[in-house]
Amino acid sequence: MAEQTAEMTPGARHVLVLGGTGTTGSRVAARLRALGHTVRIGSRSGSPRFEWTDRATWGPALAGVDGVFVVPVDGERLTRPFLARAEEAGVTRAVLLSGRGVDVPGYMGDGNPSGVTHIDGDAAIRETGLEWTAVRPAWFAQNFSEGFFLDAVRSGELRLSAGDGAVPFVDAADIADVVVAALTEEGHQGRTYELSGPRALTFAEAAAEISAASGRAVRYTAVAPAEFRAELVADGWPAEDARWYDDTLSPIRRGIDAHLSGGVREALGREPRDFAAFVADAADSGAWEPDSGTGPSGG
């Protein structure tokens, strides 16, 4: 087995972390290793290789593990058959990275690839015989430093169809802490944790905080949905992908994504990290410098 681990400790778990090189997965893997658990990274570059769309890779990746962190692939209904395979392989515990709003009809519109994946997967994990936990995070704060919004921040302008809506951005470190607790501790099984930061910010407010901490001028420009999609297509995006991105932002501009959620406190007994703490750390790390790396992406 090609896993990496700290020195093994009594009661250590053997965990497959899907998306183990991504924003959340990399943090989950690092925490598990620090606690003495064996970690197998589920990715194309992992050993053994794991690829969502190649089911032949599922069995080898699941062999010998007793826990799994499931980071789904958008646009596919693969979480359900994967969980069934995991049960057959002897996995006993699973934590699913689900999505905010999966229980809200029309949250991201009909047919949104991410919505379809999360709705089906969120339902599927509840039907398994596994010790399961589902986490439903708000937008990641790290989207500004590692993900969707990084290039725009570096360019100095965030042009999005989010209107004046607010988001309680959640730190990926908090998501990882909840996931690790659910994988390694008792008392989290059968629970759904809705995760958010401690306050909601508009994109204009987020840009202002990033500007103040980084010394870079960053502004937010609200763009009409049709114009936003057209700009993405002009930049080379397929029209369907542009529509998906706009649909994903639609709960923000409709004002239904601003509510705070108490999952971090419920799972960990502490308050979530504030966006200002994330911004300070990202600025100190050089995340917004022109020549810095983009960091991990995905789960």
Protein backbone atom coordinates (compact mmCIF):
# COMPACT_ATOMS: atom_id res chain seq x y z
CA MET A 1 0.00 0.00 0.00
CA ALA A 2 1.52 3.32 -1.07
CA GLU A 3 -0.07 5.52 1.56
CA GLN A 4 1.76 8.19 3.48
CA THR A 5 1.29 8.38 7.23
CA ALA A 6 2.76 9.66 10.40
CA GLU A 7 3.93 6.99 12.84
CA MET A 8 0.92 4.72 13.28
CA THR A 9 -1.03 5.12 16.51
CA PRO A 10 -3.38 2.63 18.17
CA GLY A 11 -6.83 2.82 16.62
CA ALA A 12 -5.55 4.57 13.51
CA ARG A 13 -7.85 4.57 10.55
CA HIS A 14 -7.03 3.82 6.92
CA VAL A 15 -8.68 6.59 4.90
CA LEU A 16 -9.13 7.15 1.19
CA VAL A 17 -9.27 10.90 0.50
CA LEU A 18 -10.82 11.65 -2.87
CA GLY A 19 -9.71 14.97 -4.30
CA GLY A 20 -6.74 14.64 -1.98
CA THR A 21 -4.72 17.26 -3.85
CA GLY A 22 -7.56 19.80 -3.85
CA THR A 23 -8.53 22.67 -1.61
CA THR A 24 -10.35 20.62 1.01
CA GLY A 25 -8.86 17.19 0.37
CA SER A 26 -5.26 18.31 0.80
CA ARG A 27 -6.10 19.84 4.16
CA VAL A 28 -8.02 16.74 5.25
CA ALA A 29 -5.10 14.50 4.25
CA ALA A 30 -2.56 16.64 6.13
CA ARG A 31 -4.63 16.62 9.31
CA LEU A 32 -5.23 12.88 9.18
CA ARG A 33 -1.52 12.18 8.74
CA ALA A 34 -0.64 14.49 11.63
CA LEU A 35 -2.98 12.45 13.83
CA GLY A 36 -1.29 9.20 12.83
CA HIS A 37 -3.84 7.86 10.36
CA THR A 38 -2.94 6.18 7.07
CA VAL A 39 -3.98 8.25 4.04
CA ARG A 40 -4.45 7.11 0.47
CA ILE A 41 -4.89 9.92 -2.03
CA GLY A 42 -7.65 9.29 -4.56
CA SER A 43 -6.54 11.05 -7.73
CA ARG A 44 -5.26 10.36 -11.23
CA SER A 45 -1.73 10.69 -9.90
CA GLY A 46 -2.40 8.58 -6.80
CA SER A 47 -1.11 5.07 -6.22
CA PRO A 48 -3.23 3.18 -6.99
CA ARG A 49 -4.76 5.58 -9.50
CA PHE A 50 -8.32 6.76 -8.93
CA GLU A 51 -10.49 8.33 -11.59
CA TRP A 52 -14.19 8.96 -11.11
CA THR A 53 -15.13 8.13 -14.67
CA ASP A 54 -13.09 4.90 -14.76
CA ARG A 55 -14.90 2.50 -12.45
CA ALA A 56 -12.12 -0.05 -12.84
CA THR A 57 -9.99 2.20 -10.60
CA TRP A 58 -12.49 2.22 -7.74
CA GLY A 59 -11.81 -1.25 -6.36
CA PRO A 60 -8.02 -0.92 -6.03
CA ALA A 61 -8.38 2.53 -4.43
CA LEU A 62 -10.89 1.16 -1.88
CA ALA A 63 -8.95 -1.99 -1.03
CA GLY A 64 -7.95 -2.09 2.62
CA VAL A 65 -9.44 1.24 3.68
CA ASP A 66 -12.09 1.63 6.38
CA GLY A 67 -12.97 5.28 5.84
CA VAL A 68 -13.44 7.53 2.84
CA PHE A 69 -13.83 11.25 2.23
CA VAL A 70 -16.02 11.57 -0.85
CA VAL A 71 -15.53 14.64 -3.04
CA PRO A 72 -17.93 14.17 -5.97
CA VAL A 73 -17.31 15.09 -9.57
CA ASP A 74 -19.73 17.71 -10.91
CA GLY A 75 -22.08 16.66 -13.64
CA GLU A 76 -21.98 12.93 -12.90
CA ARG A 77 -24.27 10.70 -10.83
CA LEU A 78 -21.42 8.53 -9.60
CA THR A 79 -21.55 9.05 -5.83
CA ARG A 80 -24.32 6.46 -5.39
CA PRO A 81 -22.58 3.57 -7.19
CA PHE A 82 -19.26 4.51 -5.59
CA LEU A 83 -20.76 4.32 -2.09
CA ALA A 84 -22.23 0.91 -2.93
CA ARG A 85 -18.79 -0.25 -4.05
CA ALA A 86 -17.27 1.14 -0.86
CA GLU A 87 -19.69 -0.89 1.27
CA GLU A 88 -18.87 -4.01 -0.69
CA ALA A 89 -15.15 -3.35 -0.12
CA GLY A 90 -15.58 -3.22 3.65
CA VAL A 91 -15.53 0.53 4.21
CA THR A 92 -17.39 1.39 7.40
CA ARG A 93 -17.34 5.20 7.54
CA ALA A 94 -17.84 7.87 4.88
CA VAL A 95 -17.96 11.66 4.91
CA LEU A 96 -19.51 13.36 1.89
CA LEU A 97 -18.65 16.85 0.69
CA SER A 98 -22.15 17.87 -0.31
CA GLY A 99 -23.45 21.30 -1.25
CA ARG A 100 -25.42 24.11 0.28
CA GLY A 101 -29.02 24.24 -0.88
CA VAL A 102 -29.42 20.59 -1.92
CA ASP A 103 -32.67 20.52 0.07
CA VAL A 104 -33.96 23.81 -1.42
CA PRO A 105 -36.02 23.32 -4.61
CA GLY A 106 -34.69 25.40 -7.50
CA TYR A 107 -31.67 26.57 -5.52
CA MET A 108 -29.37 26.58 -8.57
CA GLY A 109 -31.95 26.06 -11.27
CA ASP A 110 -32.94 22.91 -13.09
CA GLY A 111 -30.22 20.68 -14.48
CA ASN A 112 -27.23 22.48 -12.99
CA PRO A 113 -24.42 19.88 -13.09
CA SER A 114 -23.21 20.62 -9.58
CA GLY A 115 -26.73 20.63 -8.20
CA VAL A 116 -27.63 17.34 -9.87
CA THR A 117 -24.50 15.68 -8.50
CA HIS A 118 -24.95 16.94 -4.95
CA ILE A 119 -28.69 16.26 -4.72
CA ASP A 120 -28.26 12.65 -5.82
CA GLY A 121 -25.15 12.06 -3.71
CA ASP A 122 -26.61 13.65 -0.60
CA ALA A 123 -29.64 11.38 -0.85
CA ALA A 124 -27.52 8.34 -1.63
CA ILE A 125 -25.28 8.49 1.42
CA ARG A 126 -28.33 8.44 3.71
CA GLU A 127 -29.46 5.19 2.13
CA THR A 128 -26.22 3.31 2.76
CA GLY A 129 -25.34 1.08 5.67
CA LEU A 130 -22.23 3.17 6.29
CA GLU A 131 -21.54 5.37 9.28
CA TRP A 132 -22.10 8.55 7.29
CA THR A 133 -21.75 12.27 7.74
CA ALA A 134 -22.62 14.96 5.18
CA VAL A 135 -21.06 18.41 5.15
CA ARG A 136 -22.71 21.22 3.21
CA PRO A 137 -20.39 24.23 3.05
CA ALA A 138 -21.08 27.72 1.80
CA TRP A 139 -18.71 29.17 -0.81
CA PHE A 140 -15.08 28.60 0.18
CA ALA A 141 -13.07 31.64 1.25
CA GLN A 142 -10.18 29.99 -0.61
CA ASN A 143 -11.95 30.56 -3.91
CA PHE A 144 -10.31 33.99 -3.75
CA SER A 145 -6.81 32.56 -3.24
CA GLU A 146 -6.85 29.12 -4.90
CA GLY A 147 -9.99 28.73 -6.94
CA PHE A 148 -12.66 30.38 -9.08
CA PHE A 149 -11.84 34.01 -8.28
CA LEU A 150 -8.04 33.98 -8.05
CA ASP A 151 -7.24 35.24 -11.55
CA ALA A 152 -9.85 37.97 -11.23
CA VAL A 153 -8.42 39.14 -7.90
CA ARG A 154 -4.96 39.30 -9.44
CA SER A 155 -6.34 41.26 -12.40
CA GLY A 156 -7.88 43.79 -10.00
CA GLU A 157 -11.53 43.26 -10.93
CA LEU A 158 -14.11 40.67 -9.96
CA ARG A 159 -16.82 40.72 -12.62
CA LEU A 160 -19.62 38.40 -11.48
CA SER A 161 -23.38 38.04 -11.82
CA ALA A 162 -23.81 37.92 -8.04
CA GLY A 163 -25.55 41.29 -7.76
CA ASP A 164 -25.38 42.80 -4.29
CA GLY A 165 -25.91 39.45 -2.57
CA ALA A 166 -23.87 38.39 0.43
CA VAL A 167 -22.12 35.11 1.27
CA PRO A 168 -20.87 33.78 4.62
CA PHE A 169 -17.64 32.47 3.08
CA VAL A 170 -16.32 29.44 4.99
CA ASP A 171 -12.63 28.71 5.48
CA ALA A 172 -11.49 25.40 3.99
CA ALA A 173 -9.54 24.81 7.20
CA ASP A 174 -12.84 24.67 9.09
CA ILE A 175 -14.33 22.28 6.54
CA ALA A 176 -11.30 20.02 6.88
CA ASP A 177 -11.48 20.06 10.67
CA VAL A 178 -15.13 18.98 10.56
CA VAL A 179 -14.40 16.24 8.02
CA VAL A 180 -11.51 14.85 10.08
CA ALA A 181 -13.60 14.88 13.25
CA ALA A 182 -16.36 12.97 11.48
CA LEU A 183 -13.89 10.43 10.08
CA THR A 184 -12.02 9.78 13.30
CA GLU A 185 -14.34 10.53 16.22
CA GLU A 186 -17.64 9.22 17.50
CA GLY A 187 -20.84 11.25 17.68
CA HIS A 188 -20.92 12.60 14.12
CA GLN A 189 -22.53 9.67 12.38
CA GLY A 190 -25.89 10.33 10.77
CA ARG A 191 -25.34 14.08 11.04
CA THR A 192 -25.53 16.78 8.39
CA TYR A 193 -23.38 19.82 9.08
CA GLU A 194 -24.26 23.06 7.33
CA LEU A 195 -21.03 25.08 7.34
CA SER A 196 -20.48 28.80 6.96
CA GLY A 197 -18.28 31.57 8.22
CA PRO A 198 -19.41 33.84 11.09
CA ARG A 199 -20.61 36.74 8.89
CA ALA A 200 -21.90 37.34 5.40
CA LEU A 201 -20.07 39.68 3.03
CA THR A 202 -20.95 41.06 -0.37
CA PHE A 203 -18.33 40.65 -3.06
CA ALA A 204 -17.66 44.38 -2.83
CA GLU A 205 -16.93 43.99 0.88
CA ALA A 206 -14.75 40.93 0.27
CA ALA A 207 -12.80 42.79 -2.41
CA ALA A 208 -12.29 45.73 -0.06
CA GLU A 209 -10.90 43.47 2.67
CA ILE A 210 -8.56 41.78 0.19
CA SER A 211 -7.41 45.19 -1.07
CA ALA A 212 -6.66 46.44 2.43
CA ALA A 213 -4.68 43.34 3.42
CA SER A 214 -2.82 42.76 0.17
CA GLY A 215 -2.11 46.31 -0.90
CA ARG A 216 -3.59 45.49 -4.31
CA ALA A 217 -6.51 47.47 -5.71
CA VAL A 218 -9.35 44.98 -6.16
CA ARG A 219 -12.89 46.00 -7.03
CA TYR A 220 -16.13 44.15 -7.63
CA THR A 221 -18.35 44.86 -10.63
CA ALA A 222 -21.85 43.40 -10.68
CA VAL A 223 -22.66 42.13 -14.17
CA ALA A 224 -26.10 41.19 -15.53
CA PRO A 225 -26.47 37.42 -16.01
CA ALA A 226 -26.75 37.57 -19.81
CA GLU A 227 -23.71 39.84 -20.04
CA PHE A 228 -21.76 37.61 -17.65
CA ARG A 229 -22.43 34.52 -19.75
CA ALA A 230 -21.55 36.36 -22.95
CA GLU A 231 -18.24 37.51 -21.49
CA LEU A 232 -17.36 33.96 -20.48
CA VAL A 233 -18.18 32.65 -23.95
CA ALA A 234 -16.07 35.42 -25.48
CA ASP A 235 -13.21 34.22 -23.24
CA GLY A 236 -13.55 30.72 -24.70
CA TRP A 237 -15.98 29.05 -22.30
CA PRO A 238 -18.49 26.61 -23.77
CA ALA A 239 -21.98 28.12 -23.57
CA GLU A 240 -23.24 25.36 -21.26
CA ASP A 241 -20.35 25.89 -18.84
CA ALA A 242 -21.04 29.62 -18.82
CA ARG A 243 -24.68 28.94 -17.98
CA TRP A 244 -23.62 26.54 -15.20
CA TYR A 245 -21.32 29.13 -13.63
CA ASP A 246 -24.03 31.77 -13.76
CA ASP A 247 -26.58 29.36 -12.26
CA THR A 248 -24.16 28.61 -9.44
CA LEU A 249 -24.00 32.33 -8.62
CA SER A 250 -27.76 32.82 -8.86
CA PRO A 251 -28.57 32.01 -5.19
CA ILE A 252 -26.25 34.85 -4.17
CA ARG A 253 -27.89 37.50 -6.34
CA ARG A 254 -31.34 36.24 -5.28
CA GLY A 255 -30.39 36.82 -1.64
CA ILE A 256 -30.90 33.23 -0.49
CA ASP A 257 -27.28 32.42 0.32
CA ALA A 258 -26.58 35.02 3.00
CA HIS A 259 -27.79 33.04 6.01
CA LEU A 260 -25.32 31.82 8.61
CA SER A 261 -25.04 28.14 9.49
CA GLY A 262 -23.89 26.67 12.80
CA GLY A 263 -22.27 23.43 11.66
CA VAL A 264 -18.72 24.35 12.64
CA ARG A 265 -19.83 25.08 16.19
CA GLU A 266 -22.01 21.96 16.32
CA ALA A 267 -19.22 19.67 15.13
CA LEU A 268 -16.18 21.25 16.79
CA GLY A 269 -17.48 23.26 19.74
CA ARG A 270 -15.88 26.48 18.49
CA GLU A 271 -16.70 29.38 16.24
CA PRO A 272 -15.68 29.34 12.55
CA ARG A 273 -12.74 31.38 11.30
CA ASP A 274 -13.56 34.88 10.15
CA PHE A 275 -12.98 35.98 6.55
CA ALA A 276 -10.52 38.59 7.83
CA ALA A 277 -8.29 35.83 9.25
CA PHE A 278 -8.32 34.04 5.90
CA VAL A 279 -7.44 37.25 4.05
CA ALA A 280 -4.55 38.01 6.40
CA ASP A 281 -3.12 34.50 6.01
CA ALA A 282 -3.53 34.53 2.22
CA ALA A 283 -1.87 37.93 1.91
CA ASP A 284 1.02 36.84 4.14
CA SER A 285 1.52 33.72 2.01
CA GLY A 286 1.76 35.80 -1.17
CA ALA A 287 -1.35 34.22 -2.70
CA TRP A 288 -2.17 37.35 -4.68
CA GLU A 289 1.32 38.13 -5.92
CA PRO A 290 1.49 37.91 -9.73
CA ASP A 291 4.11 35.16 -9.79
CA SER A 292 2.76 33.01 -6.95
CA GLY A 293 1.34 29.54 -7.52
CA THR A 294 -2.41 28.99 -7.60
CA GLY A 295 -2.30 26.33 -4.89
CA PRO A 296 -4.56 23.30 -4.84
CA SER A 297 -7.87 23.28 -6.65
CA GLY A 298 -11.00 21.21 -6.52
CA GLY A 299 -12.08 19.27 -3.42
